[in-house]
Amino acid sequence: MTRALIVVDVQNDFCEGGSMGVDGGAAVAQSITDLVGHARGDYDVVVATKDWHVDPGEHFADPDIGPDFVNTWPPHCVTETSGAAFHEALTIAVDEVFLKGRTTASYTGFDGGAAADESVLLGDWLRARQVGEVDVVGIATDHCVRATALDAHAAGFTTRVLLDHCAGVAPETTESAIAEMTAAGITVQ
């Protein structure tokens, strides 16, 4: 069975110093590079997702009101900005990048279209390569990693989340996300 690694949103805006920086983001970028190495480790396929916002509507908070950090957020990962770029410590070769959230809020990589052809969604791309198992890593455990892992499992992929290669926003929401993923049948280790 073909195994894929899905690297979720390891972008500058989600690492320390970014507009929505998560503690440990830069370390996660390096840990993923170490995991994959130059020989891809145990993976037949490596893909990455990016928040890629053009005008995501109400996903970006009204500047007069401010973000609620549930449904509205500070501006982040705006298309073609340095904040949307992968963190410099993430130096792996990927087979494809999936861009999500151009005009709406999007938390799951399974909403993302391939950079090479946006009509090709992540799930279809993986199935076309006979992928049956996925490992999910990246930022943030309690938001986009959680949503991507849940959608991978729902799409029929055997799914693991590798916590040593993830960073969460807050301990409480991270623990809740871990419990939800585990209850859904995802292996979280």
N, C-alpha and C. Protein backbone atom coordinates (compact mmCIF):
# COMPACT_ATOMS: atom_id res chain seq x y z
N MET A 1 0.84 -1.18 0.00
CA MET A 1 0.00 0.00 0.00
C MET A 1 0.88 1.24 0.00
N THR A 2 0.51 2.21 -0.79
CA THR A 2 1.30 3.44 -0.90
C THR A 2 1.00 4.35 0.27
N ARG A 3 2.07 4.90 0.85
CA ARG A 3 1.94 5.80 2.01
C ARG A 3 2.34 7.21 1.62
N ALA A 4 1.55 8.17 2.08
CA ALA A 4 1.83 9.58 1.82
C ALA A 4 2.01 10.34 3.12
N LEU A 5 2.83 11.36 3.06
CA LEU A 5 2.96 12.34 4.13
C LEU A 5 2.26 13.61 3.67
N ILE A 6 1.35 14.11 4.52
CA ILE A 6 0.69 15.39 4.26
C ILE A 6 1.24 16.40 5.25
N VAL A 7 1.94 17.40 4.74
CA VAL A 7 2.53 18.46 5.56
C VAL A 7 1.58 19.65 5.51
N VAL A 8 0.99 19.98 6.64
CA VAL A 8 -0.07 20.99 6.70
C VAL A 8 0.47 22.35 7.12
N ASP A 9 0.39 23.30 6.23
CA ASP A 9 0.50 24.74 6.52
C ASP A 9 1.74 25.16 7.33
N VAL A 10 2.90 24.64 6.98
CA VAL A 10 4.13 25.04 7.67
C VAL A 10 4.64 26.32 6.98
N GLN A 11 3.90 27.39 7.23
CA GLN A 11 4.12 28.67 6.57
C GLN A 11 4.60 29.72 7.57
N ASN A 12 5.27 30.72 7.04
CA ASN A 12 5.85 31.74 7.91
C ASN A 12 4.84 32.40 8.83
N ASP A 13 3.64 32.68 8.36
CA ASP A 13 2.66 33.34 9.21
C ASP A 13 2.21 32.49 10.38
N PHE A 14 2.41 31.17 10.32
CA PHE A 14 2.02 30.28 11.41
C PHE A 14 3.20 29.90 12.30
N CYS A 15 4.38 30.41 12.00
CA CYS A 15 5.56 30.17 12.82
C CYS A 15 5.89 31.44 13.61
N GLU A 16 6.77 31.31 14.57
CA GLU A 16 7.14 32.44 15.40
C GLU A 16 7.49 33.65 14.55
N GLY A 17 6.95 34.82 14.92
CA GLY A 17 7.20 36.05 14.18
C GLY A 17 6.17 36.31 13.10
N GLY A 18 5.33 35.33 12.78
CA GLY A 18 4.30 35.51 11.77
C GLY A 18 3.05 36.15 12.36
N SER A 19 2.13 36.51 11.51
CA SER A 19 0.93 37.21 11.97
C SER A 19 0.06 36.35 12.89
N MET A 20 0.18 35.03 12.81
CA MET A 20 -0.52 34.11 13.70
C MET A 20 0.44 33.02 14.17
N GLY A 21 1.62 33.43 14.59
CA GLY A 21 2.68 32.51 14.97
C GLY A 21 2.30 31.59 16.11
N VAL A 22 2.65 30.32 15.95
CA VAL A 22 2.41 29.29 16.95
C VAL A 22 3.76 28.93 17.57
N ASP A 23 3.82 28.89 18.90
CA ASP A 23 5.05 28.47 19.56
C ASP A 23 5.43 27.07 19.09
N GLY A 24 6.67 26.92 18.67
CA GLY A 24 7.15 25.63 18.19
C GLY A 24 7.01 25.44 16.70
N GLY A 25 6.49 26.42 16.00
CA GLY A 25 6.31 26.30 14.55
C GLY A 25 7.61 26.08 13.81
N ALA A 26 8.63 26.86 14.13
CA ALA A 26 9.92 26.71 13.45
C ALA A 26 10.55 25.35 13.76
N ALA A 27 10.40 24.91 14.99
CA ALA A 27 10.93 23.60 15.37
C ALA A 27 10.22 22.48 14.61
N VAL A 28 8.93 22.64 14.39
CA VAL A 28 8.17 21.65 13.62
C VAL A 28 8.67 21.62 12.17
N ALA A 29 8.93 22.79 11.60
CA ALA A 29 9.47 22.83 10.24
C ALA A 29 10.76 22.03 10.15
N GLN A 30 11.64 22.21 11.12
CA GLN A 30 12.89 21.47 11.13
C GLN A 30 12.67 19.98 11.38
N SER A 31 11.75 19.66 12.28
CA SER A 31 11.51 18.24 12.59
C SER A 31 10.94 17.49 11.38
N ILE A 32 10.11 18.17 10.59
CA ILE A 32 9.57 17.54 9.38
C ILE A 32 10.69 17.32 8.36
N THR A 33 11.57 18.30 8.24
CA THR A 33 12.72 18.14 7.35
C THR A 33 13.57 16.95 7.80
N ASP A 34 13.77 16.82 9.10
CA ASP A 34 14.54 15.68 9.62
C ASP A 34 13.81 14.36 9.38
N LEU A 35 12.49 14.35 9.52
CA LEU A 35 11.70 13.15 9.32
C LEU A 35 11.79 12.66 7.88
N VAL A 36 11.65 13.58 6.95
CA VAL A 36 11.64 13.21 5.53
C VAL A 36 13.05 13.00 5.00
N GLY A 37 13.97 13.88 5.41
CA GLY A 37 15.33 13.80 4.92
C GLY A 37 15.39 13.95 3.42
N HIS A 38 16.49 13.61 2.85
CA HIS A 38 16.65 13.72 1.41
C HIS A 38 16.19 12.45 0.70
N ALA A 39 15.98 11.39 1.46
CA ALA A 39 15.58 10.12 0.86
C ALA A 39 14.09 9.83 1.08
N ARG A 40 13.31 10.80 1.61
CA ARG A 40 11.87 10.71 1.81
C ARG A 40 11.46 9.78 2.93
N GLY A 41 12.38 9.22 3.66
CA GLY A 41 12.00 8.35 4.76
C GLY A 41 11.13 7.20 4.30
N ASP A 42 10.01 7.00 4.95
CA ASP A 42 9.11 5.88 4.66
C ASP A 42 8.00 6.24 3.68
N TYR A 43 8.11 7.35 2.98
CA TYR A 43 6.99 7.85 2.19
C TYR A 43 7.21 7.69 0.69
N ASP A 44 6.16 7.20 0.04
CA ASP A 44 6.16 7.10 -1.41
C ASP A 44 5.80 8.43 -2.04
N VAL A 45 4.98 9.20 -1.33
CA VAL A 45 4.45 10.47 -1.81
C VAL A 45 4.53 11.48 -0.68
N VAL A 46 4.96 12.69 -1.00
CA VAL A 46 4.98 13.78 -0.02
C VAL A 46 4.26 14.98 -0.63
N VAL A 47 3.24 15.46 0.08
CA VAL A 47 2.51 16.64 -0.37
C VAL A 47 2.48 17.65 0.76
N ALA A 48 2.19 18.89 0.41
CA ALA A 48 2.06 19.94 1.41
C ALA A 48 0.84 20.78 1.09
N THR A 49 0.27 21.37 2.13
CA THR A 49 -0.84 22.30 1.94
C THR A 49 -0.39 23.70 2.35
N LYS A 50 -1.08 24.67 1.77
CA LYS A 50 -0.85 26.07 2.13
C LYS A 50 -2.18 26.79 2.23
N ASP A 51 -2.34 27.60 3.28
CA ASP A 51 -3.35 28.64 3.25
C ASP A 51 -2.92 29.59 2.14
N TRP A 52 -3.85 30.01 1.31
CA TRP A 52 -3.49 30.80 0.13
C TRP A 52 -4.60 31.80 -0.11
N HIS A 53 -4.66 32.82 0.75
CA HIS A 53 -5.81 33.72 0.78
C HIS A 53 -5.65 34.89 -0.20
N VAL A 54 -6.67 35.07 -1.01
CA VAL A 54 -6.79 36.24 -1.87
C VAL A 54 -7.75 37.21 -1.19
N ASP A 55 -8.99 36.77 -1.03
CA ASP A 55 -10.01 37.54 -0.32
C ASP A 55 -10.95 36.54 0.35
N PRO A 56 -10.58 36.07 1.55
CA PRO A 56 -11.37 35.02 2.19
C PRO A 56 -12.60 35.53 2.94
N GLY A 57 -13.06 36.72 2.59
CA GLY A 57 -14.28 37.24 3.19
C GLY A 57 -14.16 37.42 4.69
N GLU A 58 -15.16 36.92 5.42
CA GLU A 58 -15.23 37.12 6.86
C GLU A 58 -14.23 36.29 7.65
N HIS A 59 -13.45 35.47 6.97
CA HIS A 59 -12.38 34.72 7.64
C HIS A 59 -11.36 35.69 8.25
N PHE A 60 -11.11 36.80 7.55
CA PHE A 60 -10.26 37.86 8.10
C PHE A 60 -11.15 38.80 8.91
N ALA A 61 -10.74 39.03 10.14
CA ALA A 61 -11.54 39.85 11.05
C ALA A 61 -11.65 41.29 10.57
N ASP A 62 -12.79 41.87 10.87
CA ASP A 62 -12.97 43.31 10.66
C ASP A 62 -11.97 44.02 11.55
N PRO A 63 -11.13 44.92 11.00
CA PRO A 63 -10.12 45.57 11.83
C PRO A 63 -10.69 46.40 12.98
N ASP A 64 -11.93 46.84 12.84
CA ASP A 64 -12.55 47.63 13.92
C ASP A 64 -13.05 46.76 15.06
N ILE A 65 -13.28 45.49 14.78
CA ILE A 65 -13.81 44.58 15.80
C ILE A 65 -12.72 43.67 16.35
N GLY A 66 -11.85 43.22 15.47
CA GLY A 66 -10.78 42.31 15.87
C GLY A 66 -11.22 40.86 15.76
N PRO A 67 -10.26 39.96 15.79
CA PRO A 67 -10.55 38.53 15.61
C PRO A 67 -11.15 37.89 16.86
N ASP A 68 -11.98 36.86 16.63
CA ASP A 68 -12.48 36.08 17.77
C ASP A 68 -11.68 34.78 17.92
N PHE A 69 -10.79 34.48 16.98
CA PHE A 69 -9.93 33.30 16.99
C PHE A 69 -10.72 31.99 17.01
N VAL A 70 -11.96 32.06 16.53
CA VAL A 70 -12.78 30.88 16.30
C VAL A 70 -13.23 30.87 14.85
N ASN A 71 -13.85 31.96 14.44
CA ASN A 71 -14.32 32.10 13.06
C ASN A 71 -13.62 33.22 12.31
N THR A 72 -13.07 34.17 13.05
CA THR A 72 -12.37 35.29 12.42
C THR A 72 -10.94 35.37 12.95
N TRP A 73 -10.03 35.79 12.05
CA TRP A 73 -8.61 35.72 12.35
C TRP A 73 -7.91 36.97 11.83
N PRO A 74 -6.72 37.28 12.35
CA PRO A 74 -5.94 38.36 11.74
C PRO A 74 -5.59 37.97 10.29
N PRO A 75 -5.36 38.94 9.42
CA PRO A 75 -4.91 38.60 8.07
C PRO A 75 -3.65 37.73 8.13
N HIS A 76 -3.61 36.70 7.29
CA HIS A 76 -2.49 35.76 7.28
C HIS A 76 -2.44 35.06 5.93
N CYS A 77 -1.26 34.60 5.58
CA CYS A 77 -1.03 33.76 4.39
C CYS A 77 -1.71 34.33 3.15
N VAL A 78 -1.53 35.63 2.96
CA VAL A 78 -2.06 36.27 1.77
C VAL A 78 -1.22 35.84 0.58
N THR A 79 -1.90 35.47 -0.50
CA THR A 79 -1.26 34.97 -1.71
C THR A 79 -0.04 35.79 -2.10
N GLU A 80 1.05 35.09 -2.39
CA GLU A 80 2.29 35.69 -2.90
C GLU A 80 3.02 36.60 -1.91
N THR A 81 2.71 36.49 -0.61
CA THR A 81 3.45 37.26 0.39
C THR A 81 4.46 36.35 1.08
N SER A 82 5.40 36.95 1.78
CA SER A 82 6.38 36.15 2.52
C SER A 82 5.70 35.35 3.62
N GLY A 83 4.61 35.85 4.18
CA GLY A 83 3.89 35.11 5.20
C GLY A 83 3.28 33.81 4.70
N ALA A 84 2.97 33.76 3.41
CA ALA A 84 2.38 32.56 2.82
C ALA A 84 3.44 31.54 2.40
N ALA A 85 4.71 31.94 2.40
CA ALA A 85 5.79 31.03 1.99
C ALA A 85 6.03 29.98 3.07
N PHE A 86 6.55 28.83 2.64
CA PHE A 86 6.96 27.82 3.61
C PHE A 86 8.09 28.36 4.47
N HIS A 87 8.13 27.93 5.73
CA HIS A 87 9.21 28.33 6.63
C HIS A 87 10.55 27.84 6.06
N GLU A 88 11.58 28.63 6.25
CA GLU A 88 12.89 28.32 5.66
C GLU A 88 13.48 27.00 6.14
N ALA A 89 13.07 26.53 7.31
CA ALA A 89 13.60 25.26 7.82
C ALA A 89 12.94 24.04 7.17
N LEU A 90 11.85 24.26 6.45
CA LEU A 90 11.20 23.17 5.74
C LEU A 90 11.85 23.06 4.37
N THR A 91 12.78 22.14 4.25
CA THR A 91 13.58 22.04 3.02
C THR A 91 13.39 20.68 2.36
N ILE A 92 12.16 20.21 2.32
CA ILE A 92 11.88 18.90 1.73
C ILE A 92 11.38 19.07 0.29
N ALA A 93 11.57 18.03 -0.49
CA ALA A 93 10.99 17.99 -1.84
C ALA A 93 9.57 17.46 -1.72
N VAL A 94 8.62 18.16 -2.32
CA VAL A 94 7.24 17.71 -2.30
C VAL A 94 6.78 17.39 -3.73
N ASP A 95 5.88 16.43 -3.82
CA ASP A 95 5.35 16.04 -5.12
C ASP A 95 4.29 17.02 -5.61
N GLU A 96 3.58 17.64 -4.68
CA GLU A 96 2.58 18.64 -5.06
C GLU A 96 2.23 19.49 -3.84
N VAL A 97 1.83 20.72 -4.10
CA VAL A 97 1.34 21.64 -3.07
C VAL A 97 -0.13 21.89 -3.36
N PHE A 98 -0.93 21.84 -2.31
CA PHE A 98 -2.36 22.08 -2.44
C PHE A 98 -2.72 23.39 -1.75
N LEU A 99 -3.33 24.29 -2.51
CA LEU A 99 -3.63 25.64 -2.06
C LEU A 99 -5.09 25.72 -1.65
N LYS A 100 -5.33 26.26 -0.46
CA LYS A 100 -6.71 26.31 0.06
C LYS A 100 -7.06 27.70 0.57
N GLY A 101 -8.34 28.03 0.49
CA GLY A 101 -8.83 29.24 1.12
C GLY A 101 -8.69 30.52 0.32
N ARG A 102 -8.63 30.43 -0.99
CA ARG A 102 -8.50 31.67 -1.78
C ARG A 102 -9.59 32.67 -1.44
N THR A 103 -10.85 32.22 -1.43
CA THR A 103 -11.96 33.16 -1.25
C THR A 103 -12.88 32.79 -0.10
N THR A 104 -12.53 31.77 0.67
CA THR A 104 -13.34 31.37 1.82
C THR A 104 -12.41 30.88 2.93
N ALA A 105 -12.99 30.71 4.10
CA ALA A 105 -12.25 30.05 5.17
C ALA A 105 -12.03 28.59 4.76
N SER A 106 -10.89 28.04 5.06
CA SER A 106 -10.64 26.63 4.77
C SER A 106 -9.63 26.10 5.77
N TYR A 107 -10.00 25.04 6.45
CA TYR A 107 -9.12 24.47 7.46
C TYR A 107 -8.53 23.13 7.03
N THR A 108 -9.11 22.50 6.04
CA THR A 108 -8.66 21.17 5.64
C THR A 108 -7.93 21.19 4.31
N GLY A 109 -6.85 20.45 4.25
CA GLY A 109 -6.12 20.31 3.00
C GLY A 109 -6.94 19.66 1.91
N PHE A 110 -8.02 18.96 2.29
CA PHE A 110 -8.85 18.30 1.30
C PHE A 110 -9.73 19.27 0.53
N ASP A 111 -9.75 20.54 0.93
CA ASP A 111 -10.38 21.60 0.12
C ASP A 111 -9.41 22.14 -0.92
N GLY A 112 -8.14 21.82 -0.77
CA GLY A 112 -7.10 22.44 -1.58
C GLY A 112 -6.99 21.87 -2.98
N GLY A 113 -6.81 22.77 -3.94
CA GLY A 113 -6.53 22.38 -5.31
C GLY A 113 -5.03 22.37 -5.55
N ALA A 114 -4.59 21.46 -6.41
CA ALA A 114 -3.16 21.35 -6.72
C ALA A 114 -2.65 22.65 -7.33
N ALA A 115 -1.45 23.05 -6.95
CA ALA A 115 -0.86 24.26 -7.53
C ALA A 115 -0.71 24.12 -9.03
N ALA A 116 -0.45 22.90 -9.50
CA ALA A 116 -0.27 22.66 -10.94
C ALA A 116 -1.59 22.68 -11.70
N ASP A 117 -2.70 22.35 -11.02
CA ASP A 117 -4.02 22.32 -11.65
C ASP A 117 -5.05 22.37 -10.53
N GLU A 118 -5.58 23.56 -10.26
CA GLU A 118 -6.46 23.75 -9.10
C GLU A 118 -7.74 22.93 -9.16
N SER A 119 -8.07 22.36 -10.31
CA SER A 119 -9.27 21.53 -10.38
C SER A 119 -9.04 20.16 -9.75
N VAL A 120 -7.79 19.82 -9.47
CA VAL A 120 -7.45 18.52 -8.88
C VAL A 120 -7.35 18.69 -7.36
N LEU A 121 -8.27 18.06 -6.65
CA LEU A 121 -8.29 18.15 -5.19
C LEU A 121 -7.39 17.08 -4.57
N LEU A 122 -6.99 17.33 -3.32
CA LEU A 122 -6.03 16.46 -2.64
C LEU A 122 -6.48 15.00 -2.61
N GLY A 123 -7.72 14.72 -2.23
CA GLY A 123 -8.18 13.33 -2.13
C GLY A 123 -8.08 12.60 -3.46
N ASP A 124 -8.51 13.26 -4.52
CA ASP A 124 -8.44 12.64 -5.86
C ASP A 124 -7.00 12.41 -6.29
N TRP A 125 -6.15 13.38 -5.98
CA TRP A 125 -4.72 13.28 -6.34
C TRP A 125 -4.09 12.07 -5.65
N LEU A 126 -4.40 11.91 -4.35
CA LEU A 126 -3.85 10.77 -3.60
C LEU A 126 -4.37 9.45 -4.13
N ARG A 127 -5.68 9.37 -4.39
CA ARG A 127 -6.25 8.12 -4.91
C ARG A 127 -5.67 7.76 -6.27
N ALA A 128 -5.39 8.76 -7.10
CA ALA A 128 -4.81 8.50 -8.42
C ALA A 128 -3.43 7.87 -8.31
N ARG A 129 -2.80 8.01 -7.16
CA ARG A 129 -1.47 7.43 -6.93
C ARG A 129 -1.54 6.21 -6.02
N GLN A 130 -2.72 5.65 -5.86
CA GLN A 130 -2.96 4.44 -5.06
C GLN A 130 -2.55 4.59 -3.60
N VAL A 131 -2.65 5.81 -3.08
CA VAL A 131 -2.34 6.02 -1.66
C VAL A 131 -3.46 5.43 -0.82
N GLY A 132 -3.08 4.66 0.19
CA GLY A 132 -4.04 4.09 1.12
C GLY A 132 -3.82 4.55 2.55
N GLU A 133 -2.59 4.97 2.84
CA GLU A 133 -2.23 5.39 4.20
C GLU A 133 -1.63 6.78 4.16
N VAL A 134 -2.02 7.63 5.12
CA VAL A 134 -1.44 8.97 5.21
C VAL A 134 -1.00 9.25 6.64
N ASP A 135 0.12 9.94 6.74
CA ASP A 135 0.55 10.54 8.00
C ASP A 135 0.38 12.05 7.84
N VAL A 136 -0.15 12.68 8.88
CA VAL A 136 -0.41 14.11 8.85
C VAL A 136 0.46 14.79 9.89
N VAL A 137 1.14 15.86 9.47
CA VAL A 137 2.01 16.64 10.35
C VAL A 137 1.80 18.12 10.03
N GLY A 138 2.27 19.01 10.91
CA GLY A 138 2.25 20.43 10.58
C GLY A 138 1.62 21.31 11.64
N ILE A 139 1.01 22.39 11.16
CA ILE A 139 0.50 23.47 12.01
C ILE A 139 -0.93 23.80 11.59
N ALA A 140 -1.81 23.94 12.48
CA ALA A 140 -1.76 23.74 13.91
C ALA A 140 -2.56 22.49 14.25
N THR A 141 -2.07 21.76 15.25
CA THR A 141 -2.69 20.51 15.66
C THR A 141 -4.18 20.69 15.89
N ASP A 142 -4.56 21.79 16.51
CA ASP A 142 -5.94 22.00 16.93
C ASP A 142 -6.81 22.69 15.87
N HIS A 143 -6.27 22.94 14.70
CA HIS A 143 -7.06 23.57 13.65
C HIS A 143 -6.89 22.81 12.32
N CYS A 144 -5.93 23.20 11.52
CA CYS A 144 -5.83 22.63 10.17
C CYS A 144 -5.29 21.20 10.15
N VAL A 145 -4.42 20.83 11.07
CA VAL A 145 -4.00 19.42 11.16
C VAL A 145 -5.21 18.56 11.53
N ARG A 146 -5.95 18.98 12.53
CA ARG A 146 -7.15 18.27 12.96
C ARG A 146 -8.13 18.09 11.80
N ALA A 147 -8.47 19.18 11.12
CA ALA A 147 -9.45 19.12 10.04
C ALA A 147 -8.97 18.25 8.88
N THR A 148 -7.69 18.35 8.54
CA THR A 148 -7.13 17.55 7.45
C THR A 148 -7.13 16.07 7.82
N ALA A 149 -6.75 15.74 9.04
CA ALA A 149 -6.74 14.35 9.48
C ALA A 149 -8.15 13.77 9.50
N LEU A 150 -9.11 14.51 10.01
CA LEU A 150 -10.49 14.03 10.05
C LEU A 150 -11.02 13.79 8.63
N ASP A 151 -10.71 14.68 7.71
CA ASP A 151 -11.16 14.50 6.33
C ASP A 151 -10.44 13.36 5.64
N ALA A 152 -9.17 13.16 5.95
CA ALA A 152 -8.43 12.01 5.39
C ALA A 152 -9.09 10.71 5.83
N HIS A 153 -9.39 10.62 7.11
CA HIS A 153 -10.03 9.42 7.65
C HIS A 153 -11.41 9.23 7.02
N ALA A 154 -12.19 10.31 6.93
CA ALA A 154 -13.53 10.22 6.34
C ALA A 154 -13.48 9.81 4.87
N ALA A 155 -12.39 10.16 4.19
CA ALA A 155 -12.23 9.81 2.77
C ALA A 155 -11.73 8.38 2.58
N GLY A 156 -11.50 7.66 3.68
CA GLY A 156 -11.13 6.26 3.58
C GLY A 156 -9.65 5.95 3.68
N PHE A 157 -8.83 6.97 3.96
CA PHE A 157 -7.40 6.73 4.12
C PHE A 157 -7.11 6.30 5.56
N THR A 158 -6.25 5.31 5.74
CA THR A 158 -5.76 4.96 7.06
C THR A 158 -4.89 6.13 7.51
N THR A 159 -5.24 6.74 8.63
CA THR A 159 -4.68 8.05 8.98
C THR A 159 -3.98 8.01 10.33
N ARG A 160 -2.76 8.56 10.34
CA ARG A 160 -2.02 8.79 11.59
C ARG A 160 -1.66 10.26 11.67
N VAL A 161 -1.66 10.79 12.89
CA VAL A 161 -1.14 12.13 13.16
C VAL A 161 0.09 11.94 14.02
N LEU A 162 1.21 12.51 13.57
CA LEU A 162 2.49 12.37 14.28
C LEU A 162 2.73 13.63 15.12
N LEU A 163 2.38 13.55 16.40
CA LEU A 163 2.40 14.74 17.26
C LEU A 163 3.78 15.35 17.43
N ASP A 164 4.83 14.56 17.32
CA ASP A 164 6.18 15.11 17.45
C ASP A 164 6.51 16.07 16.32
N HIS A 165 5.70 16.06 15.28
CA HIS A 165 5.94 16.90 14.11
C HIS A 165 4.77 17.86 13.88
N CYS A 166 4.11 18.22 14.98
CA CYS A 166 2.98 19.16 14.95
C CYS A 166 3.15 20.20 16.05
N ALA A 167 2.53 21.35 15.85
CA ALA A 167 2.48 22.37 16.89
C ALA A 167 1.04 22.85 17.01
N GLY A 168 0.57 22.97 18.24
CA GLY A 168 -0.79 23.43 18.49
C GLY A 168 -0.81 24.86 18.98
N VAL A 169 -1.98 25.47 18.87
CA VAL A 169 -2.14 26.86 19.31
C VAL A 169 -2.18 26.94 20.83
N ALA A 170 -3.02 26.11 21.46
CA ALA A 170 -3.21 26.17 22.91
C ALA A 170 -3.37 24.76 23.46
N PRO A 171 -2.91 24.53 24.69
CA PRO A 171 -3.00 23.18 25.26
C PRO A 171 -4.43 22.63 25.31
N GLU A 172 -5.40 23.47 25.70
CA GLU A 172 -6.78 22.98 25.85
C GLU A 172 -7.36 22.56 24.51
N THR A 173 -7.21 23.38 23.50
CA THR A 173 -7.79 23.05 22.19
C THR A 173 -7.02 21.92 21.52
N THR A 174 -5.74 21.82 21.80
CA THR A 174 -4.95 20.71 21.26
C THR A 174 -5.41 19.39 21.88
N GLU A 175 -5.60 19.37 23.19
CA GLU A 175 -6.08 18.14 23.85
C GLU A 175 -7.46 17.75 23.33
N SER A 176 -8.32 18.73 23.11
CA SER A 176 -9.65 18.46 22.57
C SER A 176 -9.56 17.88 21.16
N ALA A 177 -8.67 18.44 20.35
CA ALA A 177 -8.48 17.95 18.98
C ALA A 177 -7.96 16.52 18.98
N ILE A 178 -7.00 16.23 19.86
CA ILE A 178 -6.46 14.87 19.97
C ILE A 178 -7.55 13.89 20.35
N ALA A 179 -8.38 14.27 21.31
CA ALA A 179 -9.49 13.40 21.74
C ALA A 179 -10.47 13.17 20.59
N GLU A 180 -10.79 14.23 19.84
CA GLU A 180 -11.72 14.09 18.72
C GLU A 180 -11.15 13.20 17.62
N MET A 181 -9.89 13.37 17.30
CA MET A 181 -9.27 12.55 16.26
C MET A 181 -9.21 11.09 16.69
N THR A 182 -8.83 10.86 17.94
CA THR A 182 -8.75 9.50 18.46
C THR A 182 -10.11 8.84 18.44
N ALA A 183 -11.14 9.56 18.88
CA ALA A 183 -12.50 9.01 18.91
C ALA A 183 -12.99 8.68 17.50
N ALA A 184 -12.50 9.41 16.49
CA ALA A 184 -12.90 9.16 15.11
C ALA A 184 -12.21 7.92 14.53
N GLY A 185 -11.19 7.41 15.20
CA GLY A 185 -10.49 6.23 14.71
C GLY A 185 -9.14 6.52 14.09
N ILE A 186 -8.65 7.74 14.28
CA ILE A 186 -7.35 8.14 13.78
C ILE A 186 -6.29 7.73 14.80
N THR A 187 -5.17 7.22 14.34
CA THR A 187 -4.05 6.92 15.24
C THR A 187 -3.30 8.22 15.49
N VAL A 188 -3.21 8.59 16.75
CA VAL A 188 -2.50 9.81 17.15
C VAL A 188 -1.35 9.36 18.03
N GLN A 189 -0.12 9.66 17.56
CA GLN A 189 1.05 9.20 18.32
C GLN A 189 2.15 10.24 18.35
